[in-house]
């Protein structure tokens, strides 16, 4: 996909978004957050073999799909305080995802790649991927939101298609708090690096896309990110009232025998509701094709 395709350039707002239906409501006690939402297991099986192709690191393999902190999270039952008014408030925000992704394959003859990466190119293909999330909050206040991406492929081994790296990372939050804008690039080891807009990024490769930058219109926020070397990624955003455009990047690594890869996108968010409880909502999943491009 060329950089000037109908989806626009990397870092720009996507031209089209589609709304996700809200499929679940519940309440949280005061002080609880998205990581305390009751868990829901799925039929994901752990892969039998470790993958140590990245500097001795292995891919994490959660045995089940869980929101937030996993099976140890305390259930938050729906209480009498969960009124029709609260449900209506939870329906007011509009969570949207871009139905297509920006995808750019790293060329096999890409100059300046690290030797460790070159050694894997006979087995794996690498792609830079940008996905879009938009939240139209209206009058609602969203103090916390978790955005989830799950990678699936036509391989029985789920680790054949993983996020080798992701962006933004936890440390990105301080950069954007200071500047409001960030530029990103890929290192010789195919990991994302970032810095304030206009600051030269050291040790990055030229993949022919030009400078990649984006801006978030938030006064303050905090990001917890998880998912490198995994097929299960989450970004938890909190400490803010409003969440709008959010374009996460992943560096997709897929085994060459894999023909199709898709991303399943969904979200959960929290709204403050009274003195004792807060409401939360979960959305349905949106499927976005990544490969073939």
C-alpha atoms as a PDB file:
ATOM      1  CA  UNK A   1       0.000   0.000   0.000  1.00  0.00           C
ATOM      2  CA  UNK A   2       1.637   3.251  -1.073  1.00  0.00           C
ATOM      3  CA  UNK A   3       1.861   6.127   1.425  1.00  0.00           C
ATOM      4  CA  UNK A   4      -0.519   8.253  -0.684  1.00  0.00           C
ATOM      5  CA  UNK A   5      -3.331   5.674  -0.805  1.00  0.00           C
ATOM      6  CA  UNK A   6      -6.956   6.541  -0.118  1.00  0.00           C
ATOM      7  CA  UNK A   7      -6.348   5.927   3.572  1.00  0.00           C
ATOM      8  CA  UNK A   8      -3.990   8.895   3.759  1.00  0.00           C
ATOM      9  CA  UNK A   9      -0.492   9.050   5.166  1.00  0.00           C
ATOM     10  CA  UNK A  10       0.728   7.388   8.327  1.00  0.00           C
ATOM     11  CA  UNK A  11      -0.021   9.549  11.361  1.00  0.00           C
ATOM     12  CA  UNK A  12      -3.034  11.296   9.830  1.00  0.00           C
ATOM     13  CA  UNK A  13      -6.638  10.891  10.915  1.00  0.00           C
ATOM     14  CA  UNK A  14      -8.372   8.104   9.020  1.00  0.00           C
ATOM     15  CA  UNK A  15     -10.968   9.261   6.461  1.00  0.00           C
ATOM     16  CA  UNK A  16     -13.670   6.830   7.620  1.00  0.00           C
ATOM     17  CA  UNK A  17     -14.657   5.369  10.981  1.00  0.00           C
ATOM     18  CA  UNK A  18     -17.400   2.886  11.890  1.00  0.00           C
ATOM     19  CA  UNK A  19     -19.207   2.815  15.231  1.00  0.00           C
ATOM     20  CA  UNK A  20     -18.949  -0.219  17.525  1.00  0.00           C
ATOM     21  CA  UNK A  21     -22.100  -1.431  19.254  1.00  0.00           C
ATOM     22  CA  UNK A  22     -22.076  -1.519  23.050  1.00  0.00           C
ATOM     23  CA  UNK A  23     -22.696  -5.124  24.051  1.00  0.00           C
ATOM     24  CA  UNK A  24     -22.212  -5.170  27.829  1.00  0.00           C
ATOM     25  CA  UNK A  25     -22.905  -2.873  30.779  1.00  0.00           C
ATOM     26  CA  UNK A  26     -21.946  -3.112  34.421  1.00  0.00           C
ATOM     27  CA  UNK A  27     -20.967  -1.192  37.520  1.00  0.00           C
ATOM     28  CA  UNK A  28     -17.711  -0.757  39.396  1.00  0.00           C
ATOM     29  CA  UNK A  29     -17.296   0.290  42.972  1.00  0.00           C
ATOM     30  CA  UNK A  30     -15.693   3.623  43.736  1.00  0.00           C
ATOM     31  CA  UNK A  31     -11.963   3.287  43.134  1.00  0.00           C
ATOM     32  CA  UNK A  32     -12.242   0.281  40.842  1.00  0.00           C
ATOM     33  CA  UNK A  33     -11.036   0.617  37.270  1.00  0.00           C
ATOM     34  CA  UNK A  34     -11.163  -1.144  33.929  1.00  0.00           C
ATOM     35  CA  UNK A  35      -8.723  -3.828  35.117  1.00  0.00           C
ATOM     36  CA  UNK A  36     -11.360  -4.896  37.672  1.00  0.00           C
ATOM     37  CA  UNK A  37     -13.988  -5.736  35.068  1.00  0.00           C
ATOM     38  CA  UNK A  38     -15.124  -9.360  35.352  1.00  0.00           C
ATOM     39  CA  UNK A  39     -13.121 -11.590  33.067  1.00  0.00           C
ATOM     40  CA  UNK A  40     -14.403 -13.638  30.180  1.00  0.00           C
ATOM     41  CA  UNK A  41     -12.303 -16.537  28.970  1.00  0.00           C
ATOM     42  CA  UNK A  42     -12.050 -17.475  25.315  1.00  0.00           C
ATOM     43  CA  UNK A  43     -10.856 -20.586  23.526  1.00  0.00           C
ATOM     44  CA  UNK A  44      -7.269 -19.498  23.022  1.00  0.00           C
ATOM     45  CA  UNK A  45      -4.742 -22.267  23.489  1.00  0.00           C
ATOM     46  CA  UNK A  46      -1.124 -21.576  24.407  1.00  0.00           C
ATOM     47  CA  UNK A  47       1.413 -22.372  21.722  1.00  0.00           C
ATOM     48  CA  UNK A  48       3.568 -25.392  22.588  1.00  0.00           C
ATOM     49  CA  UNK A  49       6.947 -23.913  21.692  1.00  0.00           C
ATOM     50  CA  UNK A  50       8.878 -20.893  22.855  1.00  0.00           C
ATOM     51  CA  UNK A  51      10.064 -18.335  20.332  1.00  0.00           C
ATOM     52  CA  UNK A  52      13.468 -16.959  21.235  1.00  0.00           C
ATOM     53  CA  UNK A  53      14.217 -15.267  17.924  1.00  0.00           C
ATOM     54  CA  UNK A  54      14.264 -11.800  19.485  1.00  0.00           C
ATOM     55  CA  UNK A  55      17.410 -11.480  21.555  1.00  0.00           C
ATOM     56  CA  UNK A  56      16.540 -14.394  23.786  1.00  0.00           C
ATOM     57  CA  UNK A  57      13.059 -13.114  24.640  1.00  0.00           C
ATOM     58  CA  UNK A  58      10.043 -15.373  24.392  1.00  0.00           C
ATOM     59  CA  UNK A  59       6.521 -14.523  23.378  1.00  0.00           C
ATOM     60  CA  UNK A  60       4.041 -14.320  26.226  1.00  0.00           C
ATOM     61  CA  UNK A  61       1.142 -16.703  25.730  1.00  0.00           C
ATOM     62  CA  UNK A  62      -1.929 -15.950  27.841  1.00  0.00           C
ATOM     63  CA  UNK A  63      -4.027 -19.091  28.092  1.00  0.00           C
ATOM     64  CA  UNK A  64      -7.259 -17.138  27.932  1.00  0.00           C
ATOM     65  CA  UNK A  65      -8.595 -13.786  26.872  1.00  0.00           C
ATOM     66  CA  UNK A  66      -9.118 -11.475  29.829  1.00  0.00           C
ATOM     67  CA  UNK A  67      -9.760  -7.815  30.318  1.00  0.00           C
ATOM     68  CA  UNK A  68      -7.309  -5.995  32.503  1.00  0.00           C
ATOM     69  CA  UNK A  69      -5.602  -7.906  35.276  1.00  0.00           C
ATOM     70  CA  UNK A  70      -6.972 -11.323  34.381  1.00  0.00           C
ATOM     71  CA  UNK A  71      -8.528 -14.190  36.264  1.00  0.00           C
ATOM     72  CA  UNK A  72      -7.677 -12.750  39.678  1.00  0.00           C
ATOM     73  CA  UNK A  73      -9.764  -9.641  39.110  1.00  0.00           C
ATOM     74  CA  UNK A  74     -12.660  -9.362  41.546  1.00  0.00           C
ATOM     75  CA  UNK A  75     -16.066  -9.541  39.865  1.00  0.00           C
ATOM     76  CA  UNK A  76     -18.041  -6.307  39.929  1.00  0.00           C
ATOM     77  CA  UNK A  77     -21.686  -7.357  40.032  1.00  0.00           C
ATOM     78  CA  UNK A  78     -24.450  -5.219  38.598  1.00  0.00           C
ATOM     79  CA  UNK A  79     -26.128  -3.517  41.532  1.00  0.00           C
ATOM     80  CA  UNK A  80     -29.387  -1.757  42.201  1.00  0.00           C
ATOM     81  CA  UNK A  81     -27.598   1.506  41.435  1.00  0.00           C
ATOM     82  CA  UNK A  82     -27.313   0.414  37.800  1.00  0.00           C
ATOM     83  CA  UNK A  83     -30.297   2.401  36.618  1.00  0.00           C
ATOM     84  CA  UNK A  84     -31.777   3.066  33.208  1.00  0.00           C
ATOM     85  CA  UNK A  85     -30.329   6.560  33.469  1.00  0.00           C
ATOM     86  CA  UNK A  86     -26.830   5.144  33.908  1.00  0.00           C
ATOM     87  CA  UNK A  87     -27.322   2.756  31.003  1.00  0.00           C
ATOM     88  CA  UNK A  88     -28.445   5.645  28.838  1.00  0.00           C
ATOM     89  CA  UNK A  89     -25.385   7.643  29.893  1.00  0.00           C
ATOM     90  CA  UNK A  90     -23.141   4.710  28.997  1.00  0.00           C
ATOM     91  CA  UNK A  91     -24.663   4.602  25.537  1.00  0.00           C
ATOM     92  CA  UNK A  92     -23.892   8.259  24.830  1.00  0.00           C
ATOM     93  CA  UNK A  93     -20.204   7.890  23.935  1.00  0.00           C
ATOM     94  CA  UNK A  94     -19.641   6.671  20.386  1.00  0.00           C
ATOM     95  CA  UNK A  95     -16.632   4.376  20.003  1.00  0.00           C
ATOM     96  CA  UNK A  96     -15.455   4.198  16.399  1.00  0.00           C
ATOM     97  CA  UNK A  97     -12.742   2.227  14.648  1.00  0.00           C
ATOM     98  CA  UNK A  98     -11.286   2.708  11.203  1.00  0.00           C
ATOM     99  CA  UNK A  99     -12.512  -0.259   9.114  1.00  0.00           C
ATOM    100  CA  UNK A 100      -9.187  -0.458   7.260  1.00  0.00           C
ATOM    101  CA  UNK A 101      -5.581  -0.213   8.428  1.00  0.00           C
ATOM    102  CA  UNK A 102      -2.540   1.485   6.980  1.00  0.00           C
ATOM    103  CA  UNK A 103      -0.033  -1.289   6.308  1.00  0.00           C
ATOM    104  CA  UNK A 104       3.480  -1.058   4.888  1.00  0.00           C
ATOM    105  CA  UNK A 105       5.739  -4.072   4.393  1.00  0.00           C
ATOM    106  CA  UNK A 106       9.391  -3.741   5.316  1.00  0.00           C
ATOM    107  CA  UNK A 107      11.351  -4.669   2.204  1.00  0.00           C
ATOM    108  CA  UNK A 108      13.557  -7.741   2.337  1.00  0.00           C
ATOM    109  CA  UNK A 109      16.469  -5.644   1.055  1.00  0.00           C
ATOM    110  CA  UNK A 110      15.813  -2.778   3.470  1.00  0.00           C
ATOM    111  CA  UNK A 111      19.146  -1.039   4.099  1.00  0.00           C
ATOM    112  CA  UNK A 112      20.646  -0.678   7.561  1.00  0.00           C
ATOM    113  CA  UNK A 113      18.731  -3.489   9.232  1.00  0.00           C
ATOM    114  CA  UNK A 114      20.506  -5.037  12.185  1.00  0.00           C
ATOM    115  CA  UNK A 115      22.186  -8.371  11.583  1.00  0.00           C
ATOM    116  CA  UNK A 116      19.828 -10.025  14.076  1.00  0.00           C
ATOM    117  CA  UNK A 117      16.829  -8.935  11.976  1.00  0.00           C
ATOM    118  CA  UNK A 118      18.400  -9.887   8.652  1.00  0.00           C
ATOM    119  CA  UNK A 119      18.912 -13.402   9.993  1.00  0.00           C
ATOM    120  CA  UNK A 120      15.125 -13.793  10.447  1.00  0.00           C
ATOM    121  CA  UNK A 121      14.025 -12.561   6.998  1.00  0.00           C
ATOM    122  CA  UNK A 122      14.035 -16.033   5.465  1.00  0.00           C
ATOM    123  CA  UNK A 123      11.410 -17.051   8.032  1.00  0.00           C
ATOM    124  CA  UNK A 124       9.396 -13.900   8.771  1.00  0.00           C
ATOM    125  CA  UNK A 125       7.865 -10.894   7.037  1.00  0.00           C
ATOM    126  CA  UNK A 126       7.553  -7.569   8.874  1.00  0.00           C
ATOM    127  CA  UNK A 127       4.891  -4.889   8.425  1.00  0.00           C
ATOM    128  CA  UNK A 128       4.310  -1.505   9.988  1.00  0.00           C
ATOM    129  CA  UNK A 129       0.611  -1.182  10.822  1.00  0.00           C
ATOM    130  CA  UNK A 130      -1.440   1.801  11.958  1.00  0.00           C
ATOM    131  CA  UNK A 131      -4.971   1.359  13.322  1.00  0.00           C
ATOM    132  CA  UNK A 132      -7.571   3.993  14.154  1.00  0.00           C
ATOM    133  CA  UNK A 133      -9.760   4.559  17.215  1.00  0.00           C
ATOM    134  CA  UNK A 134     -11.999   7.559  17.712  1.00  0.00           C
ATOM    135  CA  UNK A 135     -14.240   8.372  20.681  1.00  0.00           C
ATOM    136  CA  UNK A 136     -17.042  10.892  20.378  1.00  0.00           C
ATOM    137  CA  UNK A 137     -17.884  11.520  24.011  1.00  0.00           C
ATOM    138  CA  UNK A 138     -20.472  14.276  23.644  1.00  0.00           C
ATOM    139  CA  UNK A 139     -21.252  15.548  27.134  1.00  0.00           C
ATOM    140  CA  UNK A 140     -20.003  12.363  28.778  1.00  0.00           C
ATOM    141  CA  UNK A 141     -16.757  12.213  30.733  1.00  0.00           C
ATOM    142  CA  UNK A 142     -14.550   9.187  30.096  1.00  0.00           C
ATOM    143  CA  UNK A 143     -11.887   8.998  32.825  1.00  0.00           C
ATOM    144  CA  UNK A 144     -10.641   5.612  31.644  1.00  0.00           C
ATOM    145  CA  UNK A 145     -10.646   3.615  28.417  1.00  0.00           C
ATOM    146  CA  UNK A 146      -8.991   0.370  27.386  1.00  0.00           C
ATOM    147  CA  UNK A 147      -8.372  -0.329  23.719  1.00  0.00           C
ATOM    148  CA  UNK A 148      -7.726  -3.964  22.834  1.00  0.00           C
ATOM    149  CA  UNK A 149      -6.211  -5.515  19.694  1.00  0.00           C
ATOM    150  CA  UNK A 150      -6.103  -9.264  19.159  1.00  0.00           C
ATOM    151  CA  UNK A 151      -4.191 -10.648  16.175  1.00  0.00           C
ATOM    152  CA  UNK A 152      -5.556 -13.725  14.419  1.00  0.00           C
ATOM    153  CA  UNK A 153      -4.263 -15.570  11.358  1.00  0.00           C
ATOM    154  CA  UNK A 154      -4.857 -18.672   9.256  1.00  0.00           C
ATOM    155  CA  UNK A 155      -2.197 -20.544  11.246  1.00  0.00           C
ATOM    156  CA  UNK A 156      -3.024 -22.928  14.080  1.00  0.00           C
ATOM    157  CA  UNK A 157      -0.096 -21.488  16.032  1.00  0.00           C
ATOM    158  CA  UNK A 158      -1.145 -18.040  17.180  1.00  0.00           C
ATOM    159  CA  UNK A 159       2.465 -16.984  17.665  1.00  0.00           C
ATOM    160  CA  UNK A 160       2.983 -17.117  13.886  1.00  0.00           C
ATOM    161  CA  UNK A 161       1.553 -13.574  13.787  1.00  0.00           C
ATOM    162  CA  UNK A 162       2.515 -11.261  16.647  1.00  0.00           C
ATOM    163  CA  UNK A 163       3.251  -7.648  17.434  1.00  0.00           C
ATOM    164  CA  UNK A 164       7.036  -7.507  17.464  1.00  0.00           C
ATOM    165  CA  UNK A 165       6.728  -4.031  18.963  1.00  0.00           C
ATOM    166  CA  UNK A 166       4.062  -1.393  19.524  1.00  0.00           C
ATOM    167  CA  UNK A 167       3.596   2.349  19.868  1.00  0.00           C
ATOM    168  CA  UNK A 168       2.703   4.283  21.966  1.00  0.00           C
ATOM    169  CA  UNK A 169       4.581   2.715  24.827  1.00  0.00           C
ATOM    170  CA  UNK A 170       4.345   3.528  28.509  1.00  0.00           C
ATOM    171  CA  UNK A 171       7.276   5.912  28.263  1.00  0.00           C
ATOM    172  CA  UNK A 172       5.643   7.823  25.399  1.00  0.00           C
ATOM    173  CA  UNK A 173       3.248   9.573  27.760  1.00  0.00           C
ATOM    174  CA  UNK A 174       5.848  11.988  29.121  1.00  0.00           C
ATOM    175  CA  UNK A 175       6.891  13.012  25.603  1.00  0.00           C
ATOM    176  CA  UNK A 176       3.369  13.895  24.574  1.00  0.00           C
ATOM    177  CA  UNK A 177       2.551  15.622  27.858  1.00  0.00           C
ATOM    178  CA  UNK A 178       5.412  17.993  27.142  1.00  0.00           C
ATOM    179  CA  UNK A 179       4.975  18.572  23.418  1.00  0.00           C
ATOM    180  CA  UNK A 180       1.474  17.464  22.470  1.00  0.00           C
ATOM    181  CA  UNK A 181       2.976  15.973  19.322  1.00  0.00           C
ATOM    182  CA  UNK A 182       5.334  13.106  18.646  1.00  0.00           C
ATOM    183  CA  UNK A 183       7.339  11.775  15.730  1.00  0.00           C
ATOM    184  CA  UNK A 184       8.082   8.083  15.388  1.00  0.00           C
ATOM    185  CA  UNK A 185      10.413   5.853  13.424  1.00  0.00           C
ATOM    186  CA  UNK A 186      11.745   2.304  13.278  1.00  0.00           C
ATOM    187  CA  UNK A 187      15.156   1.390  14.614  1.00  0.00           C
ATOM    188  CA  UNK A 188      17.601  -0.982  12.936  1.00  0.00           C
ATOM    189  CA  UNK A 189      16.204  -3.660  15.257  1.00  0.00           C
ATOM    190  CA  UNK A 190      12.670  -2.878  14.003  1.00  0.00           C
ATOM    191  CA  UNK A 191      11.476  -1.415  17.282  1.00  0.00           C
ATOM    192  CA  UNK A 192       9.586   1.865  17.487  1.00  0.00           C
ATOM    193  CA  UNK A 193      11.388   4.949  18.714  1.00  0.00           C
ATOM    194  CA  UNK A 194       9.801   8.317  19.333  1.00  0.00           C
ATOM    195  CA  UNK A 195      10.456  11.830  20.461  1.00  0.00           C
ATOM    196  CA  UNK A 196       9.039  15.353  20.432  1.00  0.00           C
ATOM    197  CA  UNK A 197       8.045  16.570  17.004  1.00  0.00           C
ATOM    198  CA  UNK A 198      10.991  18.182  15.220  1.00  0.00           C
ATOM    199  CA  UNK A 199      13.606  16.355  17.263  1.00  0.00           C
ATOM    200  CA  UNK A 200      15.892  14.122  15.193  1.00  0.00           C
ATOM    201  CA  UNK A 201      15.460  10.440  15.968  1.00  0.00           C
ATOM    202  CA  UNK A 202      18.738   8.558  16.222  1.00  0.00           C
ATOM    203  CA  UNK A 203      19.443   5.163  14.693  1.00  0.00           C
ATOM    204  CA  UNK A 204      16.274   4.934  12.575  1.00  0.00           C
ATOM    205  CA  UNK A 205      15.984   3.353   9.144  1.00  0.00           C
ATOM    206  CA  UNK A 206      14.502   5.030   6.092  1.00  0.00           C
ATOM    207  CA  UNK A 207      11.464   3.053   4.927  1.00  0.00           C
ATOM    208  CA  UNK A 208      10.366   5.633   2.377  1.00  0.00           C
ATOM    209  CA  UNK A 209       7.315   6.983   4.215  1.00  0.00           C
ATOM    210  CA  UNK A 210       8.769  10.350   5.178  1.00  0.00           C
ATOM    211  CA  UNK A 211       8.473  11.786   8.700  1.00  0.00           C
ATOM    212  CA  UNK A 212       5.649  10.199  10.678  1.00  0.00           C
ATOM    213  CA  UNK A 213       4.047  12.410  13.299  1.00  0.00           C
ATOM    214  CA  UNK A 214       0.744  12.678  15.069  1.00  0.00           C
ATOM    215  CA  UNK A 215      -0.958  14.901  17.620  1.00  0.00           C
ATOM    216  CA  UNK A 216      -3.413  14.079  20.402  1.00  0.00           C
ATOM    217  CA  UNK A 217      -5.749  16.805  21.645  1.00  0.00           C
ATOM    218  CA  UNK A 218      -5.639  15.822  25.305  1.00  0.00           C
ATOM    219  CA  UNK A 219      -4.579  18.098  28.106  1.00  0.00           C
ATOM    220  CA  UNK A 220      -3.365  15.252  30.277  1.00  0.00           C
ATOM    221  CA  UNK A 221      -3.496  11.461  30.368  1.00  0.00           C
ATOM    222  CA  UNK A 222      -1.575   8.352  31.311  1.00  0.00           C
ATOM    223  CA  UNK A 223      -0.980   5.269  29.168  1.00  0.00           C
ATOM    224  CA  UNK A 224      -0.403   1.711  30.292  1.00  0.00           C
ATOM    225  CA  UNK A 225       0.603  -0.387  27.282  1.00  0.00           C
ATOM    226  CA  UNK A 226       1.089  -4.119  27.060  1.00  0.00           C
ATOM    227  CA  UNK A 227       1.631  -6.528  24.242  1.00  0.00           C
ATOM    228  CA  UNK A 228       5.107  -6.514  22.615  1.00  0.00           C
ATOM    229  CA  UNK A 229       6.058 -10.013  21.471  1.00  0.00           C
ATOM    230  CA  UNK A 230       2.442 -11.071  21.762  1.00  0.00           C
ATOM    231  CA  UNK A 231      -0.760 -11.402  19.753  1.00  0.00           C
ATOM    232  CA  UNK A 232      -2.769  -9.704  22.515  1.00  0.00           C
ATOM    233  CA  UNK A 233      -2.288  -5.947  23.001  1.00  0.00           C
ATOM    234  CA  UNK A 234      -3.909  -3.383  25.270  1.00  0.00           C
ATOM    235  CA  UNK A 235      -3.645   0.339  25.820  1.00  0.00           C
ATOM    236  CA  UNK A 236      -5.258   1.658  28.999  1.00  0.00           C
ATOM    237  CA  UNK A 237      -5.768   5.429  28.898  1.00  0.00           C
ATOM    238  CA  UNK A 238      -6.740   7.302  32.034  1.00  0.00           C
ATOM    239  CA  UNK A 239      -6.293  10.570  33.880  1.00  0.00           C
ATOM    240  CA  UNK A 240      -8.269  12.482  31.252  1.00  0.00           C
ATOM    241  CA  UNK A 241     -11.858  13.515  30.573  1.00  0.00           C
ATOM    242  CA  UNK A 242     -11.885  13.121  26.814  1.00  0.00           C
ATOM    243  CA  UNK A 243     -10.407  10.544  24.470  1.00  0.00           C
ATOM    244  CA  UNK A 244     -10.485  11.313  20.764  1.00  0.00           C
ATOM    245  CA  UNK A 245      -8.234  10.195  17.915  1.00  0.00           C
ATOM    246  CA  UNK A 246      -5.927   7.396  18.976  1.00  0.00           C
ATOM    247  CA  UNK A 247      -3.829   5.732  16.285  1.00  0.00           C
ATOM    248  CA  UNK A 248      -1.783   2.860  17.741  1.00  0.00           C
ATOM    249  CA  UNK A 249       1.064   1.388  15.710  1.00  0.00           C
ATOM    250  CA  UNK A 250       2.234  -2.213  15.733  1.00  0.00           C
ATOM    251  CA  UNK A 251       5.197  -3.816  14.016  1.00  0.00           C
ATOM    252  CA  UNK A 252       3.594  -7.025  12.757  1.00  0.00           C
ATOM    253  CA  UNK A 253       5.803 -10.063  12.392  1.00  0.00           C
ATOM    254  CA  UNK A 254       4.284 -13.007  10.556  1.00  0.00           C
ATOM    255  CA  UNK A 255       5.752 -16.316   9.519  1.00  0.00           C
ATOM    256  CA  UNK A 256       6.061 -16.561   5.734  1.00  0.00           C
ATOM    257  CA  UNK A 257       3.737 -19.580   5.676  1.00  0.00           C
ATOM    258  CA  UNK A 258       0.904 -17.407   7.034  1.00  0.00           C
ATOM    259  CA  UNK A 259      -1.368 -16.067   4.312  1.00  0.00           C
ATOM    260  CA  UNK A 260      -3.953 -14.004   6.210  1.00  0.00           C
ATOM    261  CA  UNK A 261      -3.736 -11.832   9.325  1.00  0.00           C
ATOM    262  CA  UNK A 262      -6.507  -9.728  10.855  1.00  0.00           C
ATOM    263  CA  UNK A 263      -6.819  -7.514  13.917  1.00  0.00           C
ATOM    264  CA  UNK A 264      -9.841  -7.746  16.195  1.00  0.00           C
ATOM    265  CA  UNK A 265     -10.449  -4.323  17.753  1.00  0.00           C
ATOM    266  CA  UNK A 266     -12.642  -3.595  20.774  1.00  0.00           C
ATOM    267  CA  UNK A 267     -12.858  -1.212  23.695  1.00  0.00           C
ATOM    268  CA  UNK A 268     -14.116  -0.904  27.247  1.00  0.00           C
ATOM    269  CA  UNK A 269     -14.627   2.386  29.054  1.00  0.00           C
ATOM    270  CA  UNK A 270     -15.650   3.752  32.405  1.00  0.00           C
ATOM    271  CA  UNK A 271     -17.951   6.638  33.303  1.00  0.00           C
ATOM    272  CA  UNK A 272     -18.233   8.194  36.735  1.00  0.00           C
ATOM    273  CA  UNK A 273     -21.713   7.695  38.143  1.00  0.00           C
ATOM    274  CA  UNK A 274     -22.548   9.013  41.582  1.00  0.00           C
ATOM    275  CA  UNK A 275     -20.761   8.777  44.880  1.00  0.00           C
ATOM    276  CA  UNK A 276     -20.529   5.005  45.240  1.00  0.00           C
ATOM    277  CA  UNK A 277     -20.390   3.496  41.780  1.00  0.00           C
ATOM    278  CA  UNK A 278     -19.086   3.989  38.294  1.00  0.00           C
ATOM    279  CA  UNK A 279     -20.500   2.395  35.177  1.00  0.00           C
ATOM    280  CA  UNK A 280     -18.562   0.595  32.481  1.00  0.00           C
ATOM    281  CA  UNK A 281     -19.394  -0.537  28.983  1.00  0.00           C
ATOM    282  CA  UNK A 282     -17.781  -2.966  26.546  1.00  0.00           C
ATOM    283  CA  UNK A 283     -18.082  -2.847  22.792  1.00  0.00           C
ATOM    284  CA  UNK A 284     -18.387  -5.478  20.123  1.00  0.00           C
ATOM    285  CA  UNK A 285     -15.327  -6.388  18.062  1.00  0.00           C
ATOM    286  CA  UNK A 286     -14.407  -4.926  14.710  1.00  0.00           C
ATOM    287  CA  UNK A 287     -12.351  -7.059  12.316  1.00  0.00           C
ATOM    288  CA  UNK A 288      -9.706  -5.248  10.273  1.00  0.00           C
ATOM    289  CA  UNK A 289      -7.698  -7.091   7.618  1.00  0.00           C
ATOM    290  CA  UNK A 290      -3.948  -6.547   7.743  1.00  0.00           C
ATOM    291  CA  UNK A 291      -2.529  -9.166   5.352  1.00  0.00           C
ATOM    292  CA  UNK A 292      -2.836  -9.498   2.428  1.00  0.00           C
ATOM    293  CA  UNK A 293      -2.426  -5.762   2.018  1.00  0.00           C
END
